[in-house]
C-alpha atoms as a PDB file:
ATOM      1  CA  UNK A   1      -4.876  76.845  26.591  1.00  0.00           C
ATOM      2  CA  UNK A   2      -1.923  76.269  27.183  1.00  0.00           C
ATOM      3  CA  UNK A   3      -0.585  77.451  30.883  1.00  0.00           C
ATOM      4  CA  UNK A   4       3.051  79.830  30.900  1.00  0.00           C
ATOM      5  CA  UNK A   5       5.680  78.229  32.806  1.00  0.00           C
ATOM      6  CA  UNK A   6       7.238  80.369  35.987  1.00  0.00           C
ATOM      7  CA  UNK A   7      10.672  79.811  37.050  1.00  0.00           C
ATOM      8  CA  UNK A   8      11.385  80.361  40.349  1.00  0.00           C
ATOM      9  CA  UNK A   9      14.548  81.128  41.904  1.00  0.00           C
ATOM     10  CA  UNK A  10      13.192  82.281  44.915  1.00  0.00           C
ATOM     11  CA  UNK A  11      13.405  79.508  48.318  1.00  0.00           C
ATOM     12  CA  UNK A  12      11.493  81.695  50.799  1.00  0.00           C
ATOM     13  CA  UNK A  13       7.938  80.374  50.815  1.00  0.00           C
ATOM     14  CA  UNK A  14       6.038  83.677  51.497  1.00  0.00           C
ATOM     15  CA  UNK A  15       8.201  85.438  48.839  1.00  0.00           C
ATOM     16  CA  UNK A  16       8.110  82.888  46.289  1.00  0.00           C
ATOM     17  CA  UNK A  17       4.335  82.427  46.729  1.00  0.00           C
ATOM     18  CA  UNK A  18       3.500  85.923  46.535  1.00  0.00           C
ATOM     19  CA  UNK A  19       5.691  86.143  43.111  1.00  0.00           C
ATOM     20  CA  UNK A  20       3.811  83.016  41.317  1.00  0.00           C
ATOM     21  CA  UNK A  21       0.172  84.592  43.086  1.00  0.00           C
ATOM     22  CA  UNK A  22       1.590  88.098  41.335  1.00  0.00           C
ATOM     23  CA  UNK A  23       2.662  86.685  38.157  1.00  0.00           C
ATOM     24  CA  UNK A  24      -1.055  84.759  37.328  1.00  0.00           C
ATOM     25  CA  UNK A  25      -2.879  87.679  38.678  1.00  0.00           C
ATOM     26  CA  UNK A  26      -1.585  90.235  36.221  1.00  0.00           C
ATOM     27  CA  UNK A  27      -1.206  87.895  33.540  1.00  0.00           C
ATOM     28  CA  UNK A  28      -5.466  87.344  33.363  1.00  0.00           C
ATOM     29  CA  UNK A  29      -5.714  86.379  36.821  1.00  0.00           C
ATOM     30  CA  UNK A  30      -5.616  82.047  37.278  1.00  0.00           C
ATOM     31  CA  UNK A  31      -3.099  80.779  38.770  1.00  0.00           C
ATOM     32  CA  UNK A  32      -3.401  77.459  37.198  1.00  0.00           C
ATOM     33  CA  UNK A  33      -2.553  79.456  34.181  1.00  0.00           C
ATOM     34  CA  UNK A  34       0.737  79.509  35.667  1.00  0.00           C
ATOM     35  CA  UNK A  35       3.150  77.023  36.652  1.00  0.00           C
ATOM     36  CA  UNK A  36       5.714  77.409  38.512  1.00  0.00           C
ATOM     37  CA  UNK A  37       8.569  75.035  38.566  1.00  0.00           C
ATOM     38  CA  UNK A  38      11.706  75.958  41.066  1.00  0.00           C
ATOM     39  CA  UNK A  39      14.689  76.504  39.373  1.00  0.00           C
ATOM     40  CA  UNK A  40      18.167  73.943  41.216  1.00  0.00           C
ATOM     41  CA  UNK A  41      16.074  72.216  42.925  1.00  0.00           C
ATOM     42  CA  UNK A  42      12.676  70.792  40.048  1.00  0.00           C
ATOM     43  CA  UNK A  43      13.478  68.918  37.536  1.00  0.00           C
ATOM     44  CA  UNK A  44      13.640  71.140  34.742  1.00  0.00           C
ATOM     45  CA  UNK A  45      15.432  68.814  31.966  1.00  0.00           C
ATOM     46  CA  UNK A  46      11.939  68.462  29.552  1.00  0.00           C
ATOM     47  CA  UNK A  47      11.715  72.320  28.949  1.00  0.00           C
ATOM     48  CA  UNK A  48      14.432  72.848  26.190  1.00  0.00           C
ATOM     49  CA  UNK A  49      12.863  70.264  23.787  1.00  0.00           C
ATOM     50  CA  UNK A  50       9.169  70.421  25.106  1.00  0.00           C
ATOM     51  CA  UNK A  51       8.630  74.223  24.849  1.00  0.00           C
ATOM     52  CA  UNK A  52       5.622  73.787  23.078  1.00  0.00           C
ATOM     53  CA  UNK A  53       3.365  72.585  25.913  1.00  0.00           C
ATOM     54  CA  UNK A  54       3.905  76.812  26.980  1.00  0.00           C
ATOM     55  CA  UNK A  55       2.633  80.001  26.050  1.00  0.00           C
ATOM     56  CA  UNK A  56       6.020  81.066  27.293  1.00  0.00           C
ATOM     57  CA  UNK A  57       8.349  81.103  29.733  1.00  0.00           C
ATOM     58  CA  UNK A  58       8.722  84.007  32.380  1.00  0.00           C
ATOM     59  CA  UNK A  59      11.780  84.107  34.406  1.00  0.00           C
ATOM     60  CA  UNK A  60      11.527  85.741  38.358  1.00  0.00           C
ATOM     61  CA  UNK A  61      14.023  87.170  40.055  1.00  0.00           C
ATOM     62  CA  UNK A  62      15.575  86.228  43.993  1.00  0.00           C
ATOM     63  CA  UNK A  63      18.720  86.620  45.744  1.00  0.00           C
ATOM     64  CA  UNK A  64      20.848  84.641  43.508  1.00  0.00           C
ATOM     65  CA  UNK A  65      23.712  87.050  41.934  1.00  0.00           C
ATOM     66  CA  UNK A  66      24.658  85.500  38.520  1.00  0.00           C
ATOM     67  CA  UNK A  67      28.062  87.769  38.520  1.00  0.00           C
ATOM     68  CA  UNK A  68      29.300  86.533  41.696  1.00  0.00           C
ATOM     69  CA  UNK A  69      32.271  83.840  41.838  1.00  0.00           C
ATOM     70  CA  UNK A  70      30.899  80.497  41.514  1.00  0.00           C
ATOM     71  CA  UNK A  71      33.235  79.255  44.293  1.00  0.00           C
ATOM     72  CA  UNK A  72      31.043  81.323  46.270  1.00  0.00           C
ATOM     73  CA  UNK A  73      27.069  79.886  44.954  1.00  0.00           C
ATOM     74  CA  UNK A  74      25.637  77.407  46.532  1.00  0.00           C
ATOM     75  CA  UNK A  75      24.552  73.836  44.917  1.00  0.00           C
ATOM     76  CA  UNK A  76      21.058  74.718  44.455  1.00  0.00           C
ATOM     77  CA  UNK A  77      22.327  78.298  42.585  1.00  0.00           C
ATOM     78  CA  UNK A  78      25.078  76.260  40.563  1.00  0.00           C
ATOM     79  CA  UNK A  79      22.042  73.740  39.739  1.00  0.00           C
ATOM     80  CA  UNK A  80      19.838  76.383  39.112  1.00  0.00           C
ATOM     81  CA  UNK A  81      22.262  77.945  36.541  1.00  0.00           C
ATOM     82  CA  UNK A  82      23.727  74.992  34.696  1.00  0.00           C
ATOM     83  CA  UNK A  83      19.852  74.137  34.299  1.00  0.00           C
ATOM     84  CA  UNK A  84      19.077  77.432  33.111  1.00  0.00           C
ATOM     85  CA  UNK A  85      21.259  77.560  30.560  1.00  0.00           C
ATOM     86  CA  UNK A  86      19.904  75.037  27.762  1.00  0.00           C
ATOM     87  CA  UNK A  87      16.217  76.744  28.499  1.00  0.00           C
ATOM     88  CA  UNK A  88      17.758  79.750  27.325  1.00  0.00           C
ATOM     89  CA  UNK A  89      19.715  78.192  24.233  1.00  0.00           C
ATOM     90  CA  UNK A  90      16.392  76.387  23.157  1.00  0.00           C
ATOM     91  CA  UNK A  91      14.217  79.706  23.992  1.00  0.00           C
ATOM     92  CA  UNK A  92      16.896  81.789  21.433  1.00  0.00           C
ATOM     93  CA  UNK A  93      17.268  79.652  19.181  1.00  0.00           C
ATOM     94  CA  UNK A  94      13.436  79.133  18.527  1.00  0.00           C
ATOM     95  CA  UNK A  95      12.675  82.985  19.330  1.00  0.00           C
ATOM     96  CA  UNK A  96      10.141  81.232  21.941  1.00  0.00           C
ATOM     97  CA  UNK A  97       7.995  84.141  24.264  1.00  0.00           C
ATOM     98  CA  UNK A  98      10.061  84.756  27.315  1.00  0.00           C
ATOM     99  CA  UNK A  99      10.245  87.098  29.897  1.00  0.00           C
ATOM    100  CA  UNK A 100      12.967  87.449  32.205  1.00  0.00           C
ATOM    101  CA  UNK A 101      12.667  90.444  35.368  1.00  0.00           C
ATOM    102  CA  UNK A 102      16.064  91.119  37.223  1.00  0.00           C
ATOM    103  CA  UNK A 103      17.825  87.550  37.667  1.00  0.00           C
ATOM    104  CA  UNK A 104      16.720  87.463  33.787  1.00  0.00           C
ATOM    105  CA  UNK A 105      18.177  89.987  32.630  1.00  0.00           C
ATOM    106  CA  UNK A 106      21.308  88.935  34.121  1.00  0.00           C
ATOM    107  CA  UNK A 107      21.450  85.378  33.079  1.00  0.00           C
ATOM    108  CA  UNK A 108      19.556  86.287  29.215  1.00  0.00           C
ATOM    109  CA  UNK A 109      22.241  89.886  29.009  1.00  0.00           C
ATOM    110  CA  UNK A 110      25.074  86.756  29.848  1.00  0.00           C
ATOM    111  CA  UNK A 111      23.554  84.031  27.704  1.00  0.00           C
ATOM    112  CA  UNK A 112      23.818  86.752  24.885  1.00  0.00           C
ATOM    113  CA  UNK A 113      27.206  87.938  25.412  1.00  0.00           C
ATOM    114  CA  UNK A 114      26.843  90.971  27.714  1.00  0.00           C
ATOM    115  CA  UNK A 115      28.620  92.104  30.333  1.00  0.00           C
ATOM    116  CA  UNK A 116      26.663  91.621  33.757  1.00  0.00           C
ATOM    117  CA  UNK A 117      28.379  93.107  36.874  1.00  0.00           C
ATOM    118  CA  UNK A 118      27.955  95.456  40.311  1.00  0.00           C
ATOM    119  CA  UNK A 119      28.709  98.805  38.361  1.00  0.00           C
ATOM    120  CA  UNK A 120      24.912 100.271  38.635  1.00  0.00           C
ATOM    121  CA  UNK A 121      23.471  98.553  41.652  1.00  0.00           C
ATOM    122  CA  UNK A 122      19.887 100.172  42.554  1.00  0.00           C
ATOM    123  CA  UNK A 123      18.274 100.317  45.676  1.00  0.00           C
ATOM    124  CA  UNK A 124      15.130  98.351  46.651  1.00  0.00           C
ATOM    125  CA  UNK A 125      11.710 100.186  45.972  1.00  0.00           C
ATOM    126  CA  UNK A 126      10.752 102.779  43.749  1.00  0.00           C
ATOM    127  CA  UNK A 127      12.922 104.218  40.289  1.00  0.00           C
ATOM    128  CA  UNK A 128      12.117 105.787  37.505  1.00  0.00           C
ATOM    129  CA  UNK A 129      12.557 104.327  33.746  1.00  0.00           C
ATOM    130  CA  UNK A 130      12.387 105.955  30.558  1.00  0.00           C
ATOM    131  CA  UNK A 131      11.587 104.246  27.211  1.00  0.00           C
ATOM    132  CA  UNK A 132      13.970 104.508  24.675  1.00  0.00           C
ATOM    133  CA  UNK A 133      12.835 104.949  21.098  1.00  0.00           C
ATOM    134  CA  UNK A 134      12.445 101.067  20.394  1.00  0.00           C
ATOM    135  CA  UNK A 135      11.163 100.694  23.749  1.00  0.00           C
ATOM    136  CA  UNK A 136       8.436 102.787  22.803  1.00  0.00           C
ATOM    137  CA  UNK A 137       7.615 101.405  19.605  1.00  0.00           C
ATOM    138  CA  UNK A 138       8.000  98.065  20.786  1.00  0.00           C
ATOM    139  CA  UNK A 139       4.389  95.900  21.553  1.00  0.00           C
ATOM    140  CA  UNK A 140       5.763  94.697  24.764  1.00  0.00           C
ATOM    141  CA  UNK A 141       5.482  97.983  26.056  1.00  0.00           C
ATOM    142  CA  UNK A 142       2.303  99.817  24.370  1.00  0.00           C
ATOM    143  CA  UNK A 143       0.679 102.014  26.574  1.00  0.00           C
ATOM    144  CA  UNK A 144       3.075 102.333  28.821  1.00  0.00           C
ATOM    145  CA  UNK A 145       4.014 106.180  29.589  1.00  0.00           C
ATOM    146  CA  UNK A 146       7.795 107.112  27.837  1.00  0.00           C
ATOM    147  CA  UNK A 147       8.674 107.722  31.853  1.00  0.00           C
ATOM    148  CA  UNK A 148       7.252 105.607  34.441  1.00  0.00           C
ATOM    149  CA  UNK A 149       7.435 104.411  37.928  1.00  0.00           C
ATOM    150  CA  UNK A 150       8.198 100.997  38.440  1.00  0.00           C
ATOM    151  CA  UNK A 151       9.715  98.873  41.667  1.00  0.00           C
ATOM    152  CA  UNK A 152      12.948  97.783  41.690  1.00  0.00           C
ATOM    153  CA  UNK A 153      16.657  96.488  44.051  1.00  0.00           C
ATOM    154  CA  UNK A 154      19.378  95.092  42.458  1.00  0.00           C
ATOM    155  CA  UNK A 155      23.465  94.205  43.567  1.00  0.00           C
ATOM    156  CA  UNK A 156      24.197  93.633  39.788  1.00  0.00           C
ATOM    157  CA  UNK A 157      23.088  94.527  36.205  1.00  0.00           C
ATOM    158  CA  UNK A 158      23.753  94.677  32.550  1.00  0.00           C
ATOM    159  CA  UNK A 159      26.632  96.903  32.416  1.00  0.00           C
ATOM    160  CA  UNK A 160      26.877  96.011  28.345  1.00  0.00           C
ATOM    161  CA  UNK A 161      24.212  95.263  26.421  1.00  0.00           C
ATOM    162  CA  UNK A 162      24.672  91.939  24.094  1.00  0.00           C
ATOM    163  CA  UNK A 163      25.583  93.152  20.778  1.00  0.00           C
ATOM    164  CA  UNK A 164      22.563  92.192  18.611  1.00  0.00           C
ATOM    165  CA  UNK A 165      20.469  93.187  21.974  1.00  0.00           C
ATOM    166  CA  UNK A 166      17.816  96.348  21.470  1.00  0.00           C
ATOM    167  CA  UNK A 167      17.819  98.225  24.316  1.00  0.00           C
ATOM    168  CA  UNK A 168      13.842  99.066  25.441  1.00  0.00           C
ATOM    169  CA  UNK A 169      13.940 100.620  28.375  1.00  0.00           C
ATOM    170  CA  UNK A 170      16.732 102.749  30.635  1.00  0.00           C
ATOM    171  CA  UNK A 171      17.049 104.820  34.023  1.00  0.00           C
ATOM    172  CA  UNK A 172      19.392 106.855  35.622  1.00  0.00           C
ATOM    173  CA  UNK A 173      21.823 104.888  37.677  1.00  0.00           C
ATOM    174  CA  UNK A 174      20.991 101.780  35.305  1.00  0.00           C
ATOM    175  CA  UNK A 175      21.667 101.804  32.239  1.00  0.00           C
ATOM    176  CA  UNK A 176      19.524  98.650  30.606  1.00  0.00           C
ATOM    177  CA  UNK A 177      16.203  98.411  32.072  1.00  0.00           C
ATOM    178  CA  UNK A 178      14.895  96.631  29.591  1.00  0.00           C
ATOM    179  CA  UNK A 179      16.245  94.417  26.084  1.00  0.00           C
ATOM    180  CA  UNK A 180      15.081  92.490  23.379  1.00  0.00           C
ATOM    181  CA  UNK A 181      17.021  89.815  21.642  1.00  0.00           C
ATOM    182  CA  UNK A 182      14.860  88.755  18.075  1.00  0.00           C
ATOM    183  CA  UNK A 183      11.398  89.210  18.491  1.00  0.00           C
ATOM    184  CA  UNK A 184      10.148  87.600  21.549  1.00  0.00           C
ATOM    185  CA  UNK A 185      12.697  87.370  23.997  1.00  0.00           C
ATOM    186  CA  UNK A 186      12.806  90.287  26.628  1.00  0.00           C
ATOM    187  CA  UNK A 187      14.179  91.105  30.032  1.00  0.00           C
ATOM    188  CA  UNK A 188      13.631  93.904  32.209  1.00  0.00           C
ATOM    189  CA  UNK A 189      15.599  94.648  35.401  1.00  0.00           C
ATOM    190  CA  UNK A 190      12.626  96.062  37.230  1.00  0.00           C
ATOM    191  CA  UNK A 191       9.867  93.787  38.622  1.00  0.00           C
ATOM    192  CA  UNK A 192       6.599  93.918  36.069  1.00  0.00           C
ATOM    193  CA  UNK A 193       5.107  92.010  38.649  1.00  0.00           C
ATOM    194  CA  UNK A 194       5.223  93.596  41.772  1.00  0.00           C
ATOM    195  CA  UNK A 195       3.068  95.643  43.122  1.00  0.00           C
ATOM    196  CA  UNK A 196       3.288  97.053  46.247  1.00  0.00           C
ATOM    197  CA  UNK A 197       1.988  94.807  48.660  1.00  0.00           C
ATOM    198  CA  UNK A 198       4.722  92.477  47.115  1.00  0.00           C
ATOM    199  CA  UNK A 199       7.465  95.141  47.789  1.00  0.00           C
ATOM    200  CA  UNK A 200       6.482  95.006  51.550  1.00  0.00           C
ATOM    201  CA  UNK A 201       6.718  91.482  51.509  1.00  0.00           C
ATOM    202  CA  UNK A 202       9.955  91.562  49.592  1.00  0.00           C
ATOM    203  CA  UNK A 203      11.728  94.361  51.758  1.00  0.00           C
ATOM    204  CA  UNK A 204      11.080  91.939  54.644  1.00  0.00           C
ATOM    205  CA  UNK A 205      12.008  88.800  53.749  1.00  0.00           C
ATOM    206  CA  UNK A 206      15.121  89.956  52.130  1.00  0.00           C
ATOM    207  CA  UNK A 207      16.440  92.291  54.859  1.00  0.00           C
ATOM    208  CA  UNK A 208      19.002  90.545  56.336  1.00  0.00           C
ATOM    209  CA  UNK A 209      20.063  89.201  52.269  1.00  0.00           C
ATOM    210  CA  UNK A 210      22.580  92.599  51.137  1.00  0.00           C
ATOM    211  CA  UNK A 211      20.434  94.556  50.063  1.00  0.00           C
ATOM    212  CA  UNK A 212      20.275  97.408  52.208  1.00  0.00           C
ATOM    213  CA  UNK A 213      21.586  97.965  55.733  1.00  0.00           C
ATOM    214  CA  UNK A 214      18.398  96.079  57.603  1.00  0.00           C
ATOM    215  CA  UNK A 215      17.994  99.344  60.122  1.00  0.00           C
ATOM    216  CA  UNK A 216      16.782 101.048  56.536  1.00  0.00           C
ATOM    217  CA  UNK A 217      13.401  99.096  56.258  1.00  0.00           C
ATOM    218  CA  UNK A 218      11.189 100.748  57.743  1.00  0.00           C
ATOM    219  CA  UNK A 219      12.471 103.800  55.596  1.00  0.00           C
ATOM    220  CA  UNK A 220      12.059 101.862  52.190  1.00  0.00           C
ATOM    221  CA  UNK A 221       8.721 100.999  53.239  1.00  0.00           C
ATOM    222  CA  UNK A 222       7.963 104.605  53.578  1.00  0.00           C
ATOM    223  CA  UNK A 223       9.133 105.688  50.697  1.00  0.00           C
ATOM    224  CA  UNK A 224       7.713 102.767  49.047  1.00  0.00           C
ATOM    225  CA  UNK A 225       4.066 104.153  49.866  1.00  0.00           C
ATOM    226  CA  UNK A 226       4.602 107.661  48.632  1.00  0.00           C
ATOM    227  CA  UNK A 227       5.156 106.382  45.322  1.00  0.00           C
ATOM    228  CA  UNK A 228       2.479 104.962  42.913  1.00  0.00           C
ATOM    229  CA  UNK A 229       3.508 102.252  40.141  1.00  0.00           C
ATOM    230  CA  UNK A 230       0.601 101.165  37.809  1.00  0.00           C
ATOM    231  CA  UNK A 231       2.528 101.037  34.636  1.00  0.00           C
ATOM    232  CA  UNK A 232       5.003  97.782  34.969  1.00  0.00           C
ATOM    233  CA  UNK A 233       2.236  95.339  35.195  1.00  0.00           C
ATOM    234  CA  UNK A 234       0.960  96.212  31.723  1.00  0.00           C
ATOM    235  CA  UNK A 235       3.909  94.217  29.869  1.00  0.00           C
ATOM    236  CA  UNK A 236       2.749  91.265  31.348  1.00  0.00           C
ATOM    237  CA  UNK A 237      -0.917  92.184  30.314  1.00  0.00           C
ATOM    238  CA  UNK A 238       0.607  92.296  26.932  1.00  0.00           C
ATOM    239  CA  UNK A 239       2.720  89.353  27.119  1.00  0.00           C
ATOM    240  CA  UNK A 240      -0.676  87.745  28.142  1.00  0.00           C
ATOM    241  CA  UNK A 241      -2.659  89.178  25.574  1.00  0.00           C
ATOM    242  CA  UNK A 242       0.394  88.610  22.449  1.00  0.00           C
ATOM    243  CA  UNK A 243       0.865  84.846  23.993  1.00  0.00           C
ATOM    244  CA  UNK A 244      -1.492  82.663  25.320  1.00  0.00           C
ATOM    245  CA  UNK A 245      -2.570  80.239  22.834  1.00  0.00           C
END
């Protein structure tokens, strides 16, 4: 059985390890079935021509912001973006199973000609997501109710989707919460891998990264505790069931 490939941009060890464990857990529970590579650090040059080694490709979120001025980006971020572009070229060209979370919607959206900017940020924590008609009919979202709670938190968002994209979900503050290109290439703004424990870790880990005032951290913890989030993980169950090979 071929593993899934998780491309991670998280340099923060605790958050990176927890992200990997969460993807593995909701994809079926075997950590060895999800291979993690650190974009901008690890070599991924074999991925575009070696997609057949994987059941699918996953792209996690993190502190990188795609729409920032390249001059202000770190060397690692610039390398990560340069390495990611040919991966997306190959994924889209082959319509290969792909699911990008948070950072994934900015990168895939930009790659496909959409507009990514800071017009529609959302605070860290639970938010309400609504499926479009296309989303309600999409197999990746099978079993997910029309309106559901998810965890998010981002500085940038996909303001204008690519013209050929199918918008699958939206929210009050953010026009595109999920979209698809082709039949098998997906991205979400919310985090399908994120459970409550993981959100608490990220609030603590990224308290000084500009997502919120650090003095608000406890309020964010309390707000997260008050909302049950169970449906986004269904996307990963469905992704694994559909593409594991």
